[in-house]
N, C-alpha and C. Protein backbone atom coordinates (compact mmCIF):
# COMPACT_ATOMS: atom_id res chain seq x y z
N MET A 1 -47.44 -49.38 80.24
CA MET A 1 -48.83 -49.27 80.58
C MET A 1 -49.42 -48.70 79.07
N SER A 2 -50.20 -49.29 78.91
CA SER A 2 -50.81 -49.00 77.60
C SER A 2 -52.08 -48.24 77.67
N THR A 3 -52.38 -47.40 77.00
CA THR A 3 -53.56 -46.47 77.26
C THR A 3 -54.62 -47.19 76.65
N GLY A 4 -54.56 -48.28 75.81
CA GLY A 4 -55.84 -48.99 75.50
C GLY A 4 -56.33 -48.60 74.31
N LYS A 5 -55.76 -47.47 73.28
CA LYS A 5 -56.15 -47.17 72.31
C LYS A 5 -55.72 -47.82 71.08
N THR A 6 -56.28 -48.39 70.29
CA THR A 6 -55.57 -49.02 69.03
C THR A 6 -55.56 -47.99 67.96
N SER A 7 -54.57 -48.19 67.25
CA SER A 7 -54.31 -47.03 66.26
C SER A 7 -55.11 -47.69 64.82
N ARG A 8 -55.79 -46.95 64.30
CA ARG A 8 -56.65 -47.09 63.18
C ARG A 8 -56.75 -45.94 62.23
N ASN A 9 -56.55 -46.36 61.09
CA ASN A 9 -56.67 -45.31 59.98
C ASN A 9 -58.04 -44.81 59.92
N ALA A 10 -58.22 -43.37 59.56
CA ALA A 10 -59.50 -42.80 59.31
C ALA A 10 -59.88 -43.15 58.11
N ARG A 11 -61.09 -43.55 57.82
CA ARG A 11 -61.59 -43.64 56.45
C ARG A 11 -62.73 -42.79 56.37
N LEU A 12 -62.99 -42.36 54.89
CA LEU A 12 -64.16 -41.84 54.64
C LEU A 12 -65.22 -42.68 54.62
N PRO A 13 -66.47 -42.28 54.90
CA PRO A 13 -67.70 -42.98 54.53
C PRO A 13 -67.77 -43.66 53.00
N PHE A 14 -68.16 -44.91 52.93
CA PHE A 14 -68.50 -45.45 51.57
C PHE A 14 -68.95 -44.51 50.61
N GLY A 15 -69.98 -44.00 50.83
CA GLY A 15 -70.64 -43.04 49.78
C GLY A 15 -69.73 -41.74 49.37
N ALA A 16 -68.95 -41.29 50.41
CA ALA A 16 -67.96 -40.10 49.87
C ALA A 16 -66.71 -40.88 49.39
N ARG A 17 -66.41 -41.81 49.46
CA ARG A 17 -65.50 -42.33 48.40
C ARG A 17 -66.07 -42.72 47.12
N ILE A 18 -67.12 -43.23 47.07
CA ILE A 18 -67.76 -43.34 45.75
C ILE A 18 -67.76 -42.09 44.95
N ALA A 19 -68.28 -40.87 45.44
CA ALA A 19 -68.29 -39.57 45.23
C ALA A 19 -67.02 -39.07 44.76
N LEU A 20 -65.87 -39.44 45.48
CA LEU A 20 -64.60 -39.02 45.04
C LEU A 20 -64.04 -39.47 43.77
N ALA A 21 -64.55 -40.76 43.83
CA ALA A 21 -63.89 -41.73 42.62
C ALA A 21 -64.52 -41.03 41.40
N ILE A 22 -66.18 -40.96 41.35
CA ILE A 22 -66.83 -40.17 40.26
C ILE A 22 -66.24 -39.02 39.85
N ALA A 23 -65.87 -37.99 40.87
CA ALA A 23 -65.32 -36.67 40.72
C ALA A 23 -64.13 -36.84 39.96
N ALA A 24 -62.99 -37.85 40.36
CA ALA A 24 -61.92 -38.21 39.66
C ALA A 24 -61.93 -38.36 38.39
N ALA A 25 -62.89 -39.37 38.04
CA ALA A 25 -63.13 -39.78 36.64
C ALA A 25 -63.70 -38.62 35.70
N VAL A 26 -64.62 -37.96 36.30
CA VAL A 26 -65.07 -36.71 35.55
C VAL A 26 -63.87 -35.80 35.09
N LEU A 27 -62.90 -35.43 36.08
CA LEU A 27 -61.71 -34.59 36.11
C LEU A 27 -60.78 -35.15 34.98
N VAL A 28 -60.60 -36.45 34.99
CA VAL A 28 -59.69 -37.06 33.77
C VAL A 28 -60.51 -37.11 32.43
N LEU A 29 -61.75 -37.08 32.64
CA LEU A 29 -62.50 -36.89 31.09
C LEU A 29 -62.32 -35.44 30.61
N ILE A 30 -62.53 -34.41 31.50
CA ILE A 30 -62.48 -33.21 31.15
C ILE A 30 -60.94 -33.06 30.78
N ALA A 31 -59.99 -33.64 31.19
CA ALA A 31 -58.52 -33.24 31.00
C ALA A 31 -58.30 -33.69 29.68
N GLY A 32 -58.98 -34.84 29.63
CA GLY A 32 -58.79 -35.61 28.03
C GLY A 32 -59.29 -34.67 26.98
N VAL A 33 -60.35 -34.32 27.21
CA VAL A 33 -61.21 -33.32 26.37
C VAL A 33 -60.35 -32.08 26.12
N ALA A 34 -59.93 -31.29 27.11
CA ALA A 34 -58.94 -30.24 27.05
C ALA A 34 -57.47 -30.49 26.32
N GLY A 35 -57.12 -31.79 26.49
CA GLY A 35 -55.92 -32.27 25.71
C GLY A 35 -56.39 -32.28 24.49
N ALA A 36 -57.35 -32.97 24.00
CA ALA A 36 -57.73 -33.23 22.58
C ALA A 36 -57.71 -31.75 21.96
N ASN A 37 -58.66 -30.91 22.37
CA ASN A 37 -58.76 -29.41 22.09
C ASN A 37 -57.37 -28.75 21.89
N LEU A 38 -56.26 -28.97 22.75
CA LEU A 38 -55.21 -28.14 22.73
C LEU A 38 -54.36 -28.91 21.75
N SER A 39 -54.49 -30.14 21.14
CA SER A 39 -53.62 -30.82 20.21
C SER A 39 -54.30 -30.44 18.86
N ALA A 40 -55.62 -30.33 18.72
CA ALA A 40 -56.09 -29.97 17.47
C ALA A 40 -55.79 -28.52 17.36
N THR A 41 -55.64 -27.49 18.20
CA THR A 41 -55.49 -26.11 18.12
C THR A 41 -53.91 -26.00 17.52
N VAL A 42 -52.94 -26.72 18.16
CA VAL A 42 -51.56 -26.70 17.76
C VAL A 42 -51.63 -27.41 16.23
N THR A 43 -52.17 -28.46 15.93
CA THR A 43 -52.01 -28.88 14.44
C THR A 43 -52.71 -27.89 13.60
N PHE A 44 -53.81 -27.44 13.94
CA PHE A 44 -54.69 -26.26 13.27
C PHE A 44 -53.59 -25.21 13.06
N ASN A 45 -52.82 -24.72 13.88
CA ASN A 45 -52.17 -23.45 13.85
C ASN A 45 -51.01 -23.78 12.70
N ARG A 46 -50.26 -24.97 12.90
CA ARG A 46 -49.40 -25.53 12.12
C ARG A 46 -49.73 -25.74 10.62
N ALA A 47 -51.08 -26.15 10.46
CA ALA A 47 -51.55 -26.39 9.14
C ALA A 47 -51.97 -25.08 8.69
N THR A 48 -52.44 -24.11 9.40
CA THR A 48 -52.74 -22.77 9.03
C THR A 48 -51.72 -22.12 8.19
N ALA A 49 -50.52 -22.13 9.11
CA ALA A 49 -49.35 -21.33 8.60
C ALA A 49 -48.70 -22.18 7.62
N SER A 50 -48.85 -23.18 7.20
CA SER A 50 -48.45 -23.91 5.96
C SER A 50 -49.36 -23.69 5.04
N LEU A 51 -50.57 -23.46 5.14
CA LEU A 51 -51.54 -23.10 4.22
C LEU A 51 -51.12 -21.49 3.47
N LYS A 52 -50.77 -20.70 4.50
CA LYS A 52 -50.40 -19.44 4.22
C LYS A 52 -49.33 -19.35 3.34
N ALA A 53 -48.39 -20.17 3.73
CA ALA A 53 -47.01 -20.27 2.96
C ALA A 53 -47.36 -20.67 1.60
N ASN A 54 -48.23 -21.76 1.41
CA ASN A 54 -48.36 -22.46 0.06
C ASN A 54 -49.23 -21.38 -0.63
N ILE A 55 -49.98 -20.80 -0.18
CA ILE A 55 -50.71 -19.54 -0.82
C ILE A 55 -49.94 -18.67 -1.40
N LYS A 56 -49.11 -17.94 -0.69
CA LYS A 56 -48.07 -17.30 -1.20
C LYS A 56 -47.28 -17.83 -2.39
N ALA A 57 -46.80 -19.00 -2.12
CA ALA A 57 -45.98 -19.75 -3.03
C ALA A 57 -46.62 -19.94 -4.50
N ALA A 58 -48.27 -19.91 -4.30
CA ALA A 58 -48.86 -20.41 -5.43
C ALA A 58 -49.05 -18.81 -6.34
N GLN A 59 -48.73 -18.01 -5.56
CA GLN A 59 -48.70 -16.63 -6.54
C GLN A 59 -47.44 -16.61 -7.17
N ASP A 60 -46.48 -16.90 -6.58
CA ASP A 60 -45.15 -16.80 -7.23
C ASP A 60 -45.06 -17.64 -8.58
N GLU A 61 -44.56 -17.08 -9.67
CA GLU A 61 -44.55 -17.56 -11.00
C GLU A 61 -43.52 -18.52 -11.06
N SER A 62 -42.51 -18.52 -10.11
CA SER A 62 -41.32 -19.46 -10.33
C SER A 62 -41.29 -20.65 -9.45
N THR A 63 -42.36 -20.80 -8.89
CA THR A 63 -42.94 -21.84 -7.83
C THR A 63 -42.89 -23.15 -8.75
N ASP A 64 -42.40 -24.23 -8.22
CA ASP A 64 -42.58 -25.56 -8.88
C ASP A 64 -43.96 -25.98 -8.28
N MET A 65 -44.75 -26.36 -9.25
CA MET A 65 -46.09 -26.72 -8.92
C MET A 65 -46.25 -28.18 -8.15
N ASP A 66 -45.35 -29.11 -8.78
CA ASP A 66 -45.24 -30.46 -8.19
C ASP A 66 -44.91 -30.34 -6.81
N THR A 67 -43.94 -29.66 -6.58
CA THR A 67 -43.49 -29.59 -4.95
C THR A 67 -44.76 -28.75 -4.15
N LEU A 68 -45.28 -27.91 -4.67
CA LEU A 68 -46.36 -27.13 -4.00
C LEU A 68 -47.39 -28.05 -3.78
N ASN A 69 -47.84 -28.83 -4.77
CA ASN A 69 -48.95 -29.68 -4.74
C ASN A 69 -48.40 -30.84 -3.59
N ALA A 70 -47.20 -31.30 -3.37
CA ALA A 70 -47.00 -32.21 -2.36
C ALA A 70 -47.21 -31.46 -1.25
N GLN A 71 -46.91 -30.21 -0.91
CA GLN A 71 -46.75 -29.49 0.17
C GLN A 71 -48.37 -29.34 0.52
N GLN A 72 -49.03 -28.91 -0.26
CA GLN A 72 -50.54 -28.78 -0.18
C GLN A 72 -51.35 -30.01 0.24
N GLN A 73 -50.91 -31.13 -0.19
CA GLN A 73 -51.42 -32.36 0.18
C GLN A 73 -51.21 -32.80 1.75
N GLN A 74 -49.70 -32.45 2.01
CA GLN A 74 -49.42 -32.49 3.44
C GLN A 74 -50.35 -31.55 4.39
N THR A 75 -50.53 -30.46 4.03
CA THR A 75 -51.24 -29.42 4.62
C THR A 75 -52.77 -30.00 4.78
N ASP A 76 -53.42 -30.58 3.62
CA ASP A 76 -54.62 -30.92 3.92
C ASP A 76 -54.59 -32.41 4.87
N ALA A 77 -53.45 -32.92 5.02
CA ALA A 77 -53.54 -33.87 5.88
C ALA A 77 -53.46 -33.40 7.26
N GLN A 78 -52.74 -32.43 7.48
CA GLN A 78 -52.72 -31.75 8.79
C GLN A 78 -53.92 -31.27 9.24
N PHE A 79 -54.86 -30.77 8.35
CA PHE A 79 -56.23 -30.33 8.48
C PHE A 79 -57.08 -31.68 9.25
N ALA A 80 -56.90 -32.69 8.09
CA ALA A 80 -57.66 -33.86 8.86
C ALA A 80 -57.08 -34.57 10.03
N GLU A 81 -55.92 -34.53 10.26
CA GLU A 81 -55.48 -34.66 11.63
C GLU A 81 -55.93 -33.76 12.89
N ALA A 82 -56.19 -32.57 12.52
CA ALA A 82 -56.70 -31.72 13.44
C ALA A 82 -58.18 -31.97 13.78
N ASN A 83 -58.79 -32.32 12.84
CA ASN A 83 -60.08 -32.64 12.72
C ASN A 83 -60.43 -34.10 13.23
N SER A 84 -59.48 -34.88 13.54
CA SER A 84 -59.72 -36.44 13.95
C SER A 84 -60.52 -36.32 15.15
N MET A 85 -60.55 -35.58 16.04
CA MET A 85 -61.04 -35.46 17.40
C MET A 85 -62.38 -34.64 17.44
N ARG A 86 -63.08 -34.53 16.19
CA ARG A 86 -64.01 -33.66 16.21
C ARG A 86 -65.23 -33.91 17.18
N ALA A 87 -65.40 -34.82 17.61
CA ALA A 87 -66.63 -35.19 18.49
C ALA A 87 -66.15 -34.34 19.81
N VAL A 88 -65.10 -34.18 20.19
CA VAL A 88 -64.59 -33.52 21.50
C VAL A 88 -64.35 -32.20 21.14
N LEU A 89 -64.21 -31.68 20.11
CA LEU A 89 -63.84 -30.37 19.79
C LEU A 89 -64.80 -29.19 20.09
N LEU A 90 -64.24 -28.10 20.58
CA LEU A 90 -64.97 -26.78 20.87
C LEU A 90 -65.60 -26.49 19.68
N PRO A 91 -66.87 -26.03 19.62
CA PRO A 91 -67.37 -25.31 18.22
C PRO A 91 -66.54 -24.20 17.35
N GLN A 92 -65.89 -23.38 17.99
CA GLN A 92 -65.21 -22.45 17.45
C GLN A 92 -63.92 -22.90 16.93
N ILE A 93 -63.34 -24.06 17.43
CA ILE A 93 -62.23 -24.83 16.84
C ILE A 93 -62.67 -25.83 15.66
N LYS A 94 -63.78 -26.31 15.75
CA LYS A 94 -64.37 -26.88 14.63
C LYS A 94 -64.66 -26.04 13.36
N ASP A 95 -65.32 -24.85 13.75
CA ASP A 95 -65.66 -23.79 12.55
C ASP A 95 -64.29 -23.49 12.05
N ALA A 96 -63.19 -23.27 12.66
CA ALA A 96 -61.80 -22.64 12.09
C ALA A 96 -61.17 -23.53 11.51
N ILE A 97 -61.21 -25.28 11.64
CA ILE A 97 -60.87 -26.04 11.04
C ILE A 97 -61.52 -26.18 9.71
N ASP A 98 -62.91 -26.33 9.80
CA ASP A 98 -63.62 -26.48 8.63
C ASP A 98 -63.38 -25.49 7.55
N ALA A 99 -63.40 -24.14 8.01
CA ALA A 99 -62.92 -23.26 7.11
C ALA A 99 -61.66 -23.22 6.39
N ASN A 100 -60.47 -23.42 7.09
CA ASN A 100 -59.44 -23.41 6.52
C ASN A 100 -59.02 -24.76 5.71
N ALA A 101 -59.84 -25.59 6.08
CA ALA A 101 -59.52 -27.02 5.48
C ALA A 101 -60.45 -27.03 4.14
N ALA A 102 -61.40 -26.21 4.20
CA ALA A 102 -62.02 -26.05 2.73
C ALA A 102 -61.18 -25.10 1.82
N ALA A 103 -60.68 -24.20 2.31
CA ALA A 103 -59.56 -23.48 1.77
C ALA A 103 -58.61 -24.18 1.11
N SER A 104 -57.96 -24.94 1.97
CA SER A 104 -56.81 -25.79 1.68
C SER A 104 -57.41 -26.87 0.56
N ALA A 105 -58.59 -27.28 0.81
CA ALA A 105 -58.60 -28.49 -0.43
C ALA A 105 -59.10 -27.66 -1.79
N GLN A 106 -59.36 -26.45 -1.61
CA GLN A 106 -59.58 -25.79 -2.85
C GLN A 106 -58.27 -25.60 -3.61
N LEU A 107 -57.12 -25.02 -2.79
CA LEU A 107 -56.02 -24.62 -3.29
C LEU A 107 -55.36 -25.99 -3.72
N THR A 108 -55.54 -27.16 -3.02
CA THR A 108 -55.17 -28.59 -3.41
C THR A 108 -55.36 -28.79 -4.78
N LYS A 109 -56.76 -28.55 -5.09
CA LYS A 109 -57.57 -28.74 -6.40
C LYS A 109 -56.87 -27.93 -7.58
N ILE A 110 -56.72 -26.57 -7.15
CA ILE A 110 -56.15 -25.81 -8.13
C ILE A 110 -54.53 -26.14 -8.47
N THR A 111 -53.68 -26.55 -7.50
CA THR A 111 -52.45 -26.97 -7.96
C THR A 111 -52.30 -28.12 -8.41
N LEU A 112 -53.23 -29.12 -8.13
CA LEU A 112 -53.31 -30.50 -9.29
C LEU A 112 -53.82 -30.19 -10.45
N GLN A 113 -54.76 -29.27 -10.63
CA GLN A 113 -54.85 -28.77 -12.08
C GLN A 113 -53.77 -28.56 -12.78
N GLN A 114 -52.89 -27.45 -12.02
CA GLN A 114 -51.78 -26.87 -12.76
C GLN A 114 -50.82 -27.94 -12.94
N VAL A 115 -50.72 -29.11 -11.98
CA VAL A 115 -49.67 -30.11 -12.37
C VAL A 115 -49.93 -31.00 -13.64
N GLU A 116 -51.32 -31.29 -13.36
CA GLU A 116 -51.89 -32.13 -14.86
C GLU A 116 -51.67 -31.43 -15.96
N ALA A 117 -52.00 -29.93 -15.82
CA ALA A 117 -51.75 -29.03 -17.14
C ALA A 117 -50.12 -29.12 -17.57
N GLN A 118 -49.21 -28.85 -16.45
CA GLN A 118 -47.77 -29.11 -16.90
C GLN A 118 -47.56 -30.22 -17.50
N ARG A 119 -47.99 -31.41 -17.04
CA ARG A 119 -47.50 -32.71 -17.77
C ARG A 119 -48.17 -33.08 -18.77
N ASN A 120 -49.37 -32.46 -19.10
CA ASN A 120 -50.20 -32.71 -20.36
C ASN A 120 -49.69 -31.64 -21.52
N GLY A 121 -49.83 -30.47 -20.92
CA GLY A 121 -49.94 -29.50 -21.89
C GLY A 121 -48.74 -28.65 -22.22
N THR A 122 -47.52 -28.70 -21.53
CA THR A 122 -46.34 -27.71 -21.68
C THR A 122 -45.97 -27.88 -23.09
N ASP A 123 -45.49 -28.82 -23.24
CA ASP A 123 -44.86 -29.29 -24.79
C ASP A 123 -45.97 -29.10 -26.14
N ALA A 124 -47.21 -29.47 -25.55
CA ALA A 124 -48.02 -29.60 -26.73
C ALA A 124 -49.09 -28.24 -26.93
N GLN A 125 -48.48 -27.03 -26.01
CA GLN A 125 -49.36 -25.83 -26.13
C GLN A 125 -48.98 -25.43 -27.63
N ASN A 126 -47.89 -25.37 -28.12
CA ASN A 126 -47.57 -24.80 -29.55
C ASN A 126 -48.57 -25.52 -30.60
N SER A 127 -48.96 -26.66 -30.48
CA SER A 127 -49.60 -27.51 -31.47
C SER A 127 -51.06 -27.01 -31.57
N THR A 128 -51.90 -27.36 -32.52
CA THR A 128 -53.40 -27.11 -32.68
C THR A 128 -54.15 -27.65 -31.55
N ASP A 129 -53.87 -29.00 -31.18
CA ASP A 129 -54.57 -29.31 -30.06
C ASP A 129 -54.42 -28.64 -28.72
N ALA A 130 -53.16 -28.23 -28.58
CA ALA A 130 -52.96 -27.48 -27.30
C ALA A 130 -53.71 -26.10 -27.30
N GLN A 131 -53.86 -25.65 -28.56
CA GLN A 131 -54.73 -24.29 -28.51
C GLN A 131 -56.21 -24.52 -28.22
N SER A 132 -57.08 -25.64 -28.51
CA SER A 132 -57.95 -25.91 -28.21
C SER A 132 -58.19 -26.33 -26.86
N SER A 133 -57.37 -26.82 -26.17
CA SER A 133 -57.46 -27.31 -24.59
C SER A 133 -56.99 -26.03 -23.71
N SER A 134 -56.35 -25.12 -24.44
CA SER A 134 -55.71 -24.00 -23.62
C SER A 134 -57.07 -23.27 -23.32
N THR A 135 -58.14 -23.07 -24.13
CA THR A 135 -59.22 -22.24 -23.98
C THR A 135 -59.99 -22.71 -22.85
N SER A 136 -59.98 -24.06 -22.57
CA SER A 136 -60.49 -24.90 -21.44
C SER A 136 -59.68 -24.58 -20.16
N ASN A 137 -58.51 -24.52 -20.28
CA ASN A 137 -57.62 -24.13 -19.30
C ASN A 137 -57.38 -22.80 -18.84
N GLY A 138 -57.91 -21.79 -19.58
CA GLY A 138 -57.68 -20.54 -19.23
C GLY A 138 -56.62 -19.91 -19.76
N ASN A 139 -55.75 -19.18 -19.23
CA ASN A 139 -54.72 -18.38 -19.64
C ASN A 139 -53.31 -18.99 -19.01
N ALA A 140 -53.31 -20.38 -18.85
CA ALA A 140 -52.17 -21.23 -18.21
C ALA A 140 -50.93 -20.87 -19.27
N THR A 141 -49.88 -20.67 -18.77
CA THR A 141 -48.57 -20.40 -19.68
C THR A 141 -47.73 -21.83 -19.45
N LYS A 142 -46.71 -21.62 -20.30
CA LYS A 142 -45.83 -22.82 -20.75
C LYS A 142 -45.35 -23.42 -19.12
N SER A 143 -44.86 -22.35 -18.28
CA SER A 143 -43.95 -22.75 -16.99
C SER A 143 -45.12 -23.47 -16.08
N GLY A 144 -46.41 -23.42 -16.24
CA GLY A 144 -47.27 -23.86 -15.29
C GLY A 144 -47.79 -22.88 -14.48
N ASN A 145 -47.84 -21.61 -14.56
CA ASN A 145 -48.40 -20.65 -13.67
C ASN A 145 -49.79 -20.53 -13.59
N LEU A 146 -50.32 -19.89 -12.67
CA LEU A 146 -51.66 -20.02 -12.40
C LEU A 146 -52.55 -19.18 -13.21
N THR A 147 -53.46 -19.51 -13.85
CA THR A 147 -54.35 -18.89 -14.73
C THR A 147 -54.87 -17.64 -13.95
N ASP A 148 -55.28 -16.72 -14.60
CA ASP A 148 -56.02 -15.62 -14.11
C ASP A 148 -57.16 -15.91 -13.18
N GLU A 149 -58.09 -16.67 -13.64
CA GLU A 149 -59.16 -17.53 -12.82
C GLU A 149 -58.55 -17.91 -11.55
N GLN A 150 -57.46 -18.89 -11.43
CA GLN A 150 -57.08 -19.47 -10.55
C GLN A 150 -56.59 -18.43 -9.41
N LYS A 151 -55.59 -17.42 -10.10
CA LYS A 151 -55.13 -16.47 -9.19
C LYS A 151 -56.14 -15.60 -8.26
N LYS A 152 -57.41 -15.21 -8.97
CA LYS A 152 -58.59 -14.68 -8.35
C LYS A 152 -58.96 -15.70 -7.32
N GLN A 153 -58.91 -17.24 -7.58
CA GLN A 153 -59.54 -17.97 -6.29
C GLN A 153 -58.52 -17.82 -5.55
N VAL A 154 -57.32 -18.00 -5.60
CA VAL A 154 -56.16 -18.05 -4.69
C VAL A 154 -56.25 -16.59 -3.74
N GLU A 155 -56.51 -15.44 -4.49
CA GLU A 155 -57.04 -14.15 -3.88
C GLU A 155 -58.05 -14.48 -2.89
N GLU A 156 -59.39 -15.00 -3.30
CA GLU A 156 -60.34 -15.15 -2.52
C GLU A 156 -59.95 -15.85 -1.23
N LEU A 157 -59.12 -17.13 -1.52
CA LEU A 157 -58.57 -17.93 -0.30
C LEU A 157 -58.20 -17.30 0.70
N MET A 158 -57.11 -16.34 0.30
CA MET A 158 -56.40 -15.56 1.19
C MET A 158 -56.94 -14.82 1.89
N LYS A 159 -58.20 -14.21 1.16
CA LYS A 159 -59.22 -13.28 1.99
C LYS A 159 -60.10 -14.09 2.89
N ALA A 160 -60.58 -15.22 2.71
CA ALA A 160 -61.39 -16.06 3.54
C ALA A 160 -60.35 -16.50 4.74
N ASN A 161 -59.13 -16.84 4.16
CA ASN A 161 -58.21 -17.31 5.59
C ASN A 161 -57.85 -16.28 6.27
N GLN A 162 -57.89 -15.16 5.85
CA GLN A 162 -57.42 -13.92 6.80
C GLN A 162 -58.54 -13.77 7.83
N GLN A 163 -59.73 -13.79 7.04
CA GLN A 163 -60.99 -13.62 7.98
C GLN A 163 -61.05 -14.70 9.15
N SER A 164 -61.09 -16.10 8.61
CA SER A 164 -61.05 -17.02 9.55
C SER A 164 -59.91 -16.98 10.61
N THR A 165 -58.42 -16.29 10.17
CA THR A 165 -57.49 -16.39 11.24
C THR A 165 -57.96 -15.22 12.24
N ASP A 166 -58.55 -14.11 11.59
CA ASP A 166 -58.86 -13.03 12.51
C ASP A 166 -60.04 -13.34 13.47
N THR A 167 -60.95 -14.09 12.95
CA THR A 167 -61.83 -14.46 14.02
C THR A 167 -61.17 -15.24 15.14
N GLN A 168 -60.28 -16.31 14.66
CA GLN A 168 -59.64 -17.19 15.78
C GLN A 168 -58.78 -16.16 16.62
N ALA A 169 -58.28 -15.39 16.18
CA ALA A 169 -57.49 -14.50 17.01
C ALA A 169 -58.32 -13.63 17.71
N ASN A 170 -59.46 -13.12 17.48
CA ASN A 170 -60.50 -12.46 18.27
C ASN A 170 -60.79 -13.32 19.50
N THR A 171 -61.10 -14.51 19.20
CA THR A 171 -61.60 -15.59 20.31
C THR A 171 -60.56 -15.87 21.21
N ASP A 172 -59.33 -16.06 20.63
CA ASP A 172 -58.08 -15.98 21.56
C ASP A 172 -57.76 -14.97 22.45
N THR A 173 -57.88 -13.87 21.96
CA THR A 173 -57.71 -12.54 22.79
C THR A 173 -58.80 -12.44 23.81
N SER A 174 -60.25 -12.87 23.30
CA SER A 174 -61.22 -12.54 24.20
C SER A 174 -61.39 -13.54 25.48
N ASN A 175 -60.71 -14.65 25.08
CA ASN A 175 -60.65 -15.65 25.96
C ASN A 175 -59.34 -15.52 26.97
N GLN A 176 -58.45 -14.74 26.60
CA GLN A 176 -57.28 -14.41 27.38
C GLN A 176 -57.63 -13.15 28.33
N LYS A 177 -58.60 -12.41 27.94
CA LYS A 177 -58.96 -11.36 28.82
C LYS A 177 -59.80 -11.84 29.77
N ALA A 178 -60.85 -12.86 29.37
CA ALA A 178 -61.63 -13.40 30.17
C ALA A 178 -60.95 -14.25 31.44
N GLU A 179 -59.95 -14.79 30.92
CA GLU A 179 -59.19 -15.55 31.91
C GLU A 179 -58.32 -14.37 32.85
N GLN A 180 -57.81 -13.35 32.46
CA GLN A 180 -57.17 -12.12 33.29
C GLN A 180 -58.21 -11.82 34.01
N ASN A 181 -59.45 -11.58 33.71
CA ASN A 181 -60.41 -10.84 34.61
C ASN A 181 -60.76 -12.09 35.65
N ALA A 182 -61.00 -13.15 35.33
CA ALA A 182 -61.53 -14.10 36.20
C ALA A 182 -60.22 -14.40 37.27
N GLY A 183 -58.88 -14.17 36.83
CA GLY A 183 -57.68 -14.43 37.73
C GLY A 183 -57.73 -13.29 38.97
N SER A 184 -58.20 -11.86 38.34
CA SER A 184 -58.31 -10.85 39.36
C SER A 184 -59.25 -10.86 40.14
N GLY A 185 -60.40 -11.62 39.92
CA GLY A 185 -61.88 -11.87 40.93
C GLY A 185 -62.37 -10.41 40.74
N ALA A 186 -62.31 -9.50 39.86
CA ALA A 186 -62.85 -8.48 39.69
C ALA A 186 -63.62 -8.44 38.20
N SER A 187 -64.79 -7.95 38.24
CA SER A 187 -65.56 -7.90 36.82
C SER A 187 -65.42 -6.70 36.42
N LYS A 188 -64.78 -6.88 35.02
CA LYS A 188 -64.54 -5.63 34.49
C LYS A 188 -65.15 -5.60 32.93
N PRO A 189 -65.98 -4.38 32.92
CA PRO A 189 -66.85 -4.21 31.47
C PRO A 189 -66.15 -4.30 30.59
N TRP A 190 -64.68 -3.82 30.40
CA TRP A 190 -64.25 -3.91 29.22
C TRP A 190 -63.55 -5.35 28.92
């Protein structure tokens, strides 16, 4: 004896299904933006670490400038990669990438000048022509070390990079504190 009830799957009204589909699409979009920001941040951090290492290497007189220039060009490419999704990046990430990319470009310019000076002027520095070109190249030595002016620029780059890194670290720390406070449910003034 049957009860006369037919089994039927319960469905949401059509408007509710549309609203859920739209909400799911928005969440996927938000996840994509968050993923792009995370990827850019990871690439930025890698490029910044490489930039710091290259700045230290640039100060060492025994550094091979050809190798340093190649490494520095790779660092520039990393910053370009981090900046590739610029339209969806958060402003503080854009600013940090821009600041370090500018410092990196300046270091690349310096290393390229040193490589060219090594190739063109190391053997000819003892000749009369080299003496006239050495005044335009600053105090470059035979081994291709940085000139005093370039060392000063590298120091300025290090200071600017440190300030940029400190700003990023402060942003990260404040974001972590905000997440901790949000997780505890209590509003904490500190």
